[in-house]
C-alpha atoms as a PDB file:
ATOM      1  CA  MET A   1      48.663  94.289 115.442  1.00  0.00           C
ATOM      2  CA  PRO A   2      50.166  92.321 118.337  1.00  0.00           C
ATOM      3  CA  VAL A   3      48.719  88.912 119.046  1.00  0.00           C
ATOM      4  CA  LYS A   4      46.984  88.673 122.407  1.00  0.00           C
ATOM      5  CA  LYS A   5      48.332  85.725 124.338  1.00  0.00           C
ATOM      6  CA  LYS A   6      45.969  83.248 125.896  1.00  0.00           C
ATOM      7  CA  PRO A   7      47.556  82.080 129.157  1.00  0.00           C
ATOM      8  CA  ASP A   8      45.850  78.689 129.087  1.00  0.00           C
ATOM      9  CA  VAL A   9      47.262  77.929 125.640  1.00  0.00           C
ATOM     10  CA  ASP A  10      50.568  79.806 125.395  1.00  0.00           C
ATOM     11  CA  PHE A  11      52.026  79.010 128.822  1.00  0.00           C
ATOM     12  CA  PRO A  12      50.778  75.553 129.826  1.00  0.00           C
ATOM     13  CA  ASP A  13      54.045  74.563 131.524  1.00  0.00           C
ATOM     14  CA  ASP A  14      54.593  77.759 133.524  1.00  0.00           C
ATOM     15  CA  PRO A  15      52.101  77.812 136.404  1.00  0.00           C
ATOM     16  CA  GLU A  16      52.916  81.387 137.399  1.00  0.00           C
ATOM     17  CA  GLU A  17      51.545  82.686 134.080  1.00  0.00           C
ATOM     18  CA  LEU A  18      48.109  81.107 134.541  1.00  0.00           C
ATOM     19  CA  PRO A  19      45.302  82.720 136.544  1.00  0.00           C
ATOM     20  CA  TYR A  20      45.031  81.524 140.155  1.00  0.00           C
ATOM     21  CA  GLU A  21      41.680  79.790 139.643  1.00  0.00           C
ATOM     22  CA  THR A  22      43.004  77.889 136.633  1.00  0.00           C
ATOM     23  CA  ARG A  23      46.028  76.744 138.615  1.00  0.00           C
ATOM     24  CA  MET A  24      43.749  75.690 141.483  1.00  0.00           C
ATOM     25  CA  GLU A  25      41.605  73.590 139.137  1.00  0.00           C
ATOM     26  CA  MET A  26      44.672  72.025 137.541  1.00  0.00           C
ATOM     27  CA  ALA A  27      46.114  71.133 140.961  1.00  0.00           C
ATOM     28  CA  TRP A  28      42.771  69.647 142.023  1.00  0.00           C
ATOM     29  CA  GLU A  29      42.585  67.544 138.841  1.00  0.00           C
ATOM     30  CA  ALA A  30      46.200  66.409 139.269  1.00  0.00           C
ATOM     31  CA  TYR A  31      45.474  65.356 142.841  1.00  0.00           C
ATOM     32  CA  LEU A  32      42.344  63.421 141.830  1.00  0.00           C
ATOM     33  CA  ASP A  33      44.019  61.811 138.811  1.00  0.00           C
ATOM     34  CA  SER A  34      46.937  60.547 140.897  1.00  0.00           C
ATOM     35  CA  ASN A  35      44.695  58.193 142.957  1.00  0.00           C
ATOM     36  CA  GLY A  36      46.492  59.029 146.190  1.00  0.00           C
ATOM     37  CA  LYS A  37      50.039  58.940 144.807  1.00  0.00           C
ATOM     38  CA  LEU A  38      50.344  62.739 144.810  1.00  0.00           C
ATOM     39  CA  SER A  39      49.851  64.608 148.080  1.00  0.00           C
ATOM     40  CA  ILE A  40      47.785  67.767 148.268  1.00  0.00           C
ATOM     41  CA  ARG A  41      50.925  69.700 149.232  1.00  0.00           C
ATOM     42  CA  LYS A  42      52.869  68.435 146.224  1.00  0.00           C
ATOM     43  CA  ALA A  43      49.976  69.156 143.848  1.00  0.00           C
ATOM     44  CA  ALA A  44      49.739  72.708 145.197  1.00  0.00           C
ATOM     45  CA  GLU A  45      53.486  73.201 144.930  1.00  0.00           C
ATOM     46  CA  GLN A  46      53.646  71.888 141.353  1.00  0.00           C
ATOM     47  CA  HIS A  47      50.910  74.279 140.229  1.00  0.00           C
ATOM     48  CA  GLY A  48      52.199  77.396 141.975  1.00  0.00           C
ATOM     49  CA  ILE A  49      49.626  77.596 144.762  1.00  0.00           C
ATOM     50  CA  PRO A  50      51.393  79.162 147.757  1.00  0.00           C
ATOM     51  CA  LEU A  51      49.006  77.887 150.462  1.00  0.00           C
ATOM     52  CA  TRP A  52      48.293  74.177 150.116  1.00  0.00           C
ATOM     53  CA  GLU A  53      45.524  74.521 152.721  1.00  0.00           C
ATOM     54  CA  ARG A  54      43.389  76.382 150.187  1.00  0.00           C
ATOM     55  CA  LEU A  55      43.617  73.445 147.808  1.00  0.00           C
ATOM     56  CA  ARG A  56      42.716  71.100 150.663  1.00  0.00           C
ATOM     57  CA  ASP A  57      39.699  73.240 151.544  1.00  0.00           C
ATOM     58  CA  ARG A  58      38.573  73.339 147.904  1.00  0.00           C
ATOM     59  CA  ILE A  59      38.853  69.555 147.665  1.00  0.00           C
ATOM     60  CA  ASN A  60      36.753  69.274 150.825  1.00  0.00           C
ATOM     61  CA  GLY A  61      33.947  71.358 149.286  1.00  0.00           C
ATOM     62  CA  MET A  62      34.740  74.952 150.181  1.00  0.00           C
ATOM     63  CA  LYS A  63      33.562  77.488 147.592  1.00  0.00           C
ATOM     64  CA  PRO A  64      35.997  79.958 146.031  1.00  0.00           C
ATOM     65  CA  TRP A  65      36.065  83.240 147.950  1.00  0.00           C
ATOM     66  CA  LYS A  66      34.774  85.253 145.016  1.00  0.00           C
ATOM     67  CA  VAL A  67      31.764  82.981 144.478  1.00  0.00           C
ATOM     68  CA  ASP A  68      30.965  82.899 148.177  1.00  0.00           C
ATOM     69  CA  ALA A  69      31.229  86.691 148.499  1.00  0.00           C
ATOM     70  CA  GLU A  70      28.860  87.215 145.555  1.00  0.00           C
ATOM     71  CA  SER A  71      26.179  85.160 147.279  1.00  0.00           C
ATOM     72  CA  ARG A  72      26.233  87.558 150.253  1.00  0.00           C
ATOM     73  CA  GLN A  73      25.926  90.750 148.219  1.00  0.00           C
ATOM     74  CA  LYS A  74      22.692  92.691 148.158  1.00  0.00           C
ATOM     75  CA  LEU A  75      23.140  93.694 144.507  1.00  0.00           C
ATOM     76  CA  SER A  76      24.062  91.348 141.712  1.00  0.00           C
ATOM     77  CA  ALA A  77      27.089  92.087 139.552  1.00  0.00           C
ATOM     78  CA  LYS A  78      24.758  93.102 136.721  1.00  0.00           C
ATOM     79  CA  GLU A  79      22.900  95.593 138.943  1.00  0.00           C
ATOM     80  CA  GLU A  80      26.212  97.074 140.099  1.00  0.00           C
ATOM     81  CA  ARG A  81      27.340  97.573 136.485  1.00  0.00           C
ATOM     82  CA  ILE A  82      24.051  99.308 135.642  1.00  0.00           C
ATOM     83  CA  ILE A  83      24.425 101.724 138.558  1.00  0.00           C
ATOM     84  CA  GLU A  84      28.073 102.318 137.669  1.00  0.00           C
ATOM     85  CA  ARG A  85      27.157 103.150 134.054  1.00  0.00           C
ATOM     86  CA  HIS A  86      24.437 105.529 135.270  1.00  0.00           C
ATOM     87  CA  ILE A  87      26.892 107.353 137.538  1.00  0.00           C
ATOM     88  CA  GLN A  88      29.446 107.602 134.728  1.00  0.00           C
ATOM     89  CA  GLN A  89      26.812 109.023 132.382  1.00  0.00           C
ATOM     90  CA  LEU A  90      25.852 111.669 134.944  1.00  0.00           C
ATOM     91  CA  GLU A  91      29.539 112.587 135.203  1.00  0.00           C
ATOM     92  CA  VAL A  92      29.813 112.923 131.402  1.00  0.00           C
ATOM     93  CA  TRP A  93      26.807 115.234 131.400  1.00  0.00           C
ATOM     94  CA  GLY A  94      28.294 117.224 134.281  1.00  0.00           C
ATOM     95  CA  TRP A  95      25.334 116.585 136.545  1.00  0.00           C
ATOM     96  CA  PRO A  96      25.860 116.007 140.273  1.00  0.00           C
ATOM     97  CA  LEU A  97      25.044 112.642 141.755  1.00  0.00           C
ATOM     98  CA  ILE A  98      22.004 112.669 144.021  1.00  0.00           C
ATOM     99  CA  VAL A  99      21.529 109.724 146.374  1.00  0.00           C
ATOM    100  CA  SER A 100      17.783 109.614 145.714  1.00  0.00           C
ATOM    101  CA  GLN A 101      18.568 108.819 142.065  1.00  0.00           C
ATOM    102  CA  LEU A 102      20.232 105.593 143.061  1.00  0.00           C
END
């Protein structure tokens, strides 16, 4: 059975292998740890973040897009999954989807 790689552990030196949010957090920490010796642009570049402005915005308190978008949704992620499972079950049974059921 192949071993599933954990990007945070197996590729710590290659920023392109890590998820974007992880790289963003690492760049933010590097910027804060440098006490002004490392610019925001350099921190973003070192951690593979193509737009340094996003790191700047995050440092200045902007929420990640995904978190901000979730706060504007009418249904929570859990409610969406429940509806999705219900629709998939109707499909398995071969029953048509009726809007009033949602």
